[in-house]
Protein backbone atom coordinates (compact mmCIF):
# COMPACT_ATOMS: atom_id res chain seq x y z
CA MET A 1 30.65 119.22 107.12
CA PRO A 2 30.04 115.54 107.69
CA LYS A 3 28.55 113.57 104.84
CA PRO A 4 25.39 111.53 105.38
CA VAL A 5 26.30 107.94 106.19
CA ARG A 6 24.79 105.01 104.34
CA ILE A 7 24.66 101.76 106.29
CA THR A 8 25.37 99.78 103.13
CA GLY A 9 28.37 102.02 102.47
CA ARG A 10 30.26 99.99 105.07
CA SER A 11 29.93 96.63 103.30
CA SER A 12 33.62 96.60 102.35
CA SER A 13 34.49 97.01 106.03
CA ILE A 14 32.32 93.98 106.79
CA THR A 15 34.03 91.95 104.07
CA ASN A 16 37.44 92.99 105.39
CA SER A 17 36.37 91.89 108.87
CA PHE A 18 35.28 88.51 107.55
CA VAL A 19 38.71 88.02 106.01
CA ASN A 20 40.79 89.59 108.79
CA GLY A 21 38.85 87.52 111.30
CA ILE A 22 40.15 84.25 109.83
CA ILE A 23 43.64 84.94 108.52
CA PRO A 24 46.64 83.87 110.54
CA VAL A 25 48.89 86.49 112.10
CA ILE A 26 52.51 85.43 112.32
CA TRP A 27 54.46 87.76 114.60
CA PRO A 28 57.90 88.61 113.23
CA SER A 29 61.08 88.40 115.27
CA ASP A 30 63.06 91.57 115.94
CA ASP A 31 65.65 90.30 113.45
CA GLN A 32 62.99 89.87 110.74
CA ILE A 33 61.71 93.40 111.34
CA ALA A 34 65.26 94.77 111.18
CA GLU A 35 65.91 92.88 107.93
CA ALA A 36 62.67 94.15 106.36
CA LEU A 37 63.46 97.73 107.39
CA SER A 38 66.99 97.38 106.00
CA ILE A 39 65.64 96.23 102.63
CA LEU A 40 63.32 99.24 102.71
CA GLY A 41 66.32 101.53 103.43
CA MET A 42 65.26 102.32 106.99
CA THR A 43 66.72 101.99 110.47
CA GLU A 44 63.44 103.02 112.11
CA PRO A 45 59.94 102.53 110.69
CA GLU A 46 58.72 105.29 108.40
CA CYS A 47 56.03 105.13 105.76
CA ALA A 48 57.47 102.98 102.97
CA TYR A 49 55.32 104.85 100.45
CA CYS A 50 55.83 108.53 101.35
CA GLY A 51 58.40 108.80 104.16
CA ASP A 52 56.08 110.29 106.77
CA ARG A 53 55.98 108.88 110.29
CA ALA A 54 54.70 105.30 110.24
CA THR A 55 51.66 104.77 112.42
CA GLU A 56 50.70 101.28 111.28
CA TRP A 57 51.70 98.32 109.11
CA ASP A 58 50.08 98.01 105.67
CA HIS A 59 49.31 94.72 103.97
CA PHE A 60 51.63 95.18 101.01
CA ARG A 61 49.69 92.57 99.03
CA PRO A 62 45.96 93.05 99.62
CA LEU A 63 44.02 90.58 101.74
CA VAL A 64 40.77 91.19 99.82
CA VAL A 65 40.21 91.83 96.11
CA ALA A 66 36.78 91.85 94.46
CA GLN A 67 35.21 90.98 97.84
CA LYS A 68 37.18 87.71 98.00
CA PRO A 69 40.20 86.78 100.12
CA THR A 70 43.46 86.70 98.16
CA GLY A 71 45.00 84.12 100.49
CA TYR A 72 47.75 86.42 101.78
CA ILE A 73 48.08 86.71 105.54
CA SER A 74 49.53 89.05 108.17
CA GLU A 75 53.26 88.30 108.28
CA ILE A 76 56.46 90.26 107.80
CA HIS A 77 56.75 89.33 104.09
CA ASN A 78 53.39 91.02 103.50
CA LEU A 79 53.67 94.02 105.81
CA VAL A 80 55.37 97.37 105.34
CA PRO A 81 55.34 100.37 107.68
CA ALA A 82 52.90 103.03 106.53
CA CYS A 83 51.24 106.25 107.56
CA GLY A 84 47.47 106.32 107.89
CA LYS A 85 47.05 108.52 104.80
CA CYS A 86 48.87 106.08 102.53
CA ASN A 87 47.32 102.96 104.05
CA GLN A 88 43.79 104.31 103.65
CA SER A 89 44.41 105.69 100.17
CA LYS A 90 46.08 102.51 98.89
CA GLY A 91 43.37 100.24 100.23
CA ASN A 92 43.42 96.99 98.27
CA LYS A 93 45.07 98.44 95.16
CA ASP A 94 48.31 97.12 93.70
CA TRP A 95 51.05 99.26 95.27
CA ARG A 96 52.81 100.01 91.93
CA VAL A 97 49.65 101.31 90.27
CA TRP A 98 48.53 103.25 93.34
CA MET A 99 51.87 104.98 94.02
CA ARG A 100 51.87 106.68 90.61
CA SER A 101 48.11 107.21 90.45
CA SER A 102 46.12 110.37 90.94
CA ALA A 103 44.25 108.77 93.85
CA ARG A 104 43.55 111.10 96.73
CA LEU A 105 46.59 111.06 99.08
CA SER A 106 48.74 108.87 96.83
CA PRO A 107 52.46 109.70 96.84
CA VAL A 108 52.12 111.39 93.42
CA THR A 109 49.23 113.63 94.48
CA ARG A 110 51.10 114.49 97.69
CA GLY A 111 54.24 115.42 95.77
CA VAL A 112 56.60 112.85 97.32
CA ALA A 113 60.02 113.84 95.96
CA ASP A 114 61.88 110.51 96.22
CA ILE A 115 59.13 108.32 94.77
CA ASP A 116 61.46 106.49 92.35
CA GLN A 117 63.81 105.45 95.18
CA ARG A 118 60.86 104.31 97.28
CA ILE A 119 59.52 102.24 94.38
CA ASP A 120 62.96 100.61 93.95
CA ARG A 121 63.07 99.72 97.66
CA LEU A 122 59.53 98.33 97.54
CA LYS A 123 60.49 96.21 94.51
CA ALA A 124 63.41 94.81 96.55
CA PHE A 125 61.04 94.15 99.46
CA GLU A 126 58.66 92.37 97.12
CA GLN A 127 61.48 90.01 96.08
CA TRP A 128 62.53 89.35 99.68
CA GLY A 129 61.28 86.04 100.97
CA THR A 130 58.14 84.27 99.93
CA PRO A 131 54.84 85.49 101.35
CA THR A 132 52.48 82.85 102.65
CA LYS A 133 49.39 82.33 100.53
CA VAL A 134 46.65 80.08 101.92
CA ASP A 135 43.91 78.32 99.99
CA PHE A 136 41.39 78.65 102.81
CA ALA A 137 38.59 76.66 101.18
CA ALA A 138 40.86 73.70 100.48
CA LEU A 139 42.29 73.83 103.98
CA VAL A 140 39.04 74.02 105.98
CA GLY A 141 36.69 72.23 103.58
CA ASP A 142 33.77 73.45 101.52
CA ASP A 143 31.13 73.12 104.25
CA LEU A 144 32.92 75.33 106.78
CA TRP A 145 34.07 77.79 104.12
CA ASP A 146 30.55 78.07 102.66
CA ALA A 147 29.07 78.56 106.15
CA HIS A 148 31.46 81.48 106.76
CA TRP A 149 30.46 83.21 103.52
CA LYS A 150 26.75 82.50 104.04
CA ASN A 151 27.09 84.39 107.35
CA HIS A 152 28.70 87.22 105.39
CA ALA A 153 25.84 87.27 102.86
CA ARG A 154 23.21 87.25 105.63
CA LEU A 155 24.90 90.19 107.32
CA LEU A 156 25.00 92.17 104.06
CA ASP A 157 21.30 91.37 103.52
CA LEU A 158 20.55 92.62 107.02
CA MET A 159 22.51 95.80 106.28
CA ARG A 160 20.36 96.38 103.16
CA GLU A 161 17.22 95.86 105.27
CA ALA A 162 18.56 98.28 107.88
CA GLU A 163 19.24 100.82 105.13
CA GLN A 164 15.58 100.66 104.07
CA THR A 165 14.52 101.29 107.67
CA ALA A 166 16.96 104.20 107.93
CA ASP A 167 15.59 105.63 104.65
CA ALA A 168 12.07 105.51 106.10
CA ILE A 169 13.25 107.25 109.27
CA ARG A 170 15.03 109.99 107.29
CA ALA A 171 11.94 110.49 105.06
CA THR A 172 9.68 110.78 108.12
CA ILE A 173 12.00 113.29 109.74
CA ALA A 174 12.24 115.32 106.51
CA GLN A 175 8.43 115.51 106.31
CA SER A 176 8.10 116.68 109.90
CA SER A 177 8.79 120.16 111.15
CA ALA A 178 12.04 118.95 112.72
CA PRO A 179 15.19 120.64 111.45
CA VAL A 180 17.08 118.44 109.01
């Protein structure tokens, strides 16, 4: 059964959009992709965390922590192939902690047999190259940076207001004879 949705329950998605909307994306060359896959022990992309079919690329180092941008960007030194289950379960957690955690759909909870080898390959990947880290505020200036995050705050305030309206609608429906 679907769970009731809370409008404010999507605030992390909004924060991620505010960060993803500004970070650079540096497209890797075919040689860079091949080198990254080689370090990860692959010839074709598979989930670096569990070995299932890769459907996407995960930001190995999170872009957002504690609702703030970390400074990492989308580039080959910060991207590993992943399946949707692992990417969603890992979220913005440190990969080492998450892989051995009891989080829903983590490699441990899914019984991944070669987890130690995968961790060793991910450690090697982590040492490969230097990921770009941007100090956005210093680069664009305080005024522009503050304006971006004021927009974010206004949107979250509007979401809270919308949640109150939705609560009133749900309460009215519950009091009526309409099926709930």
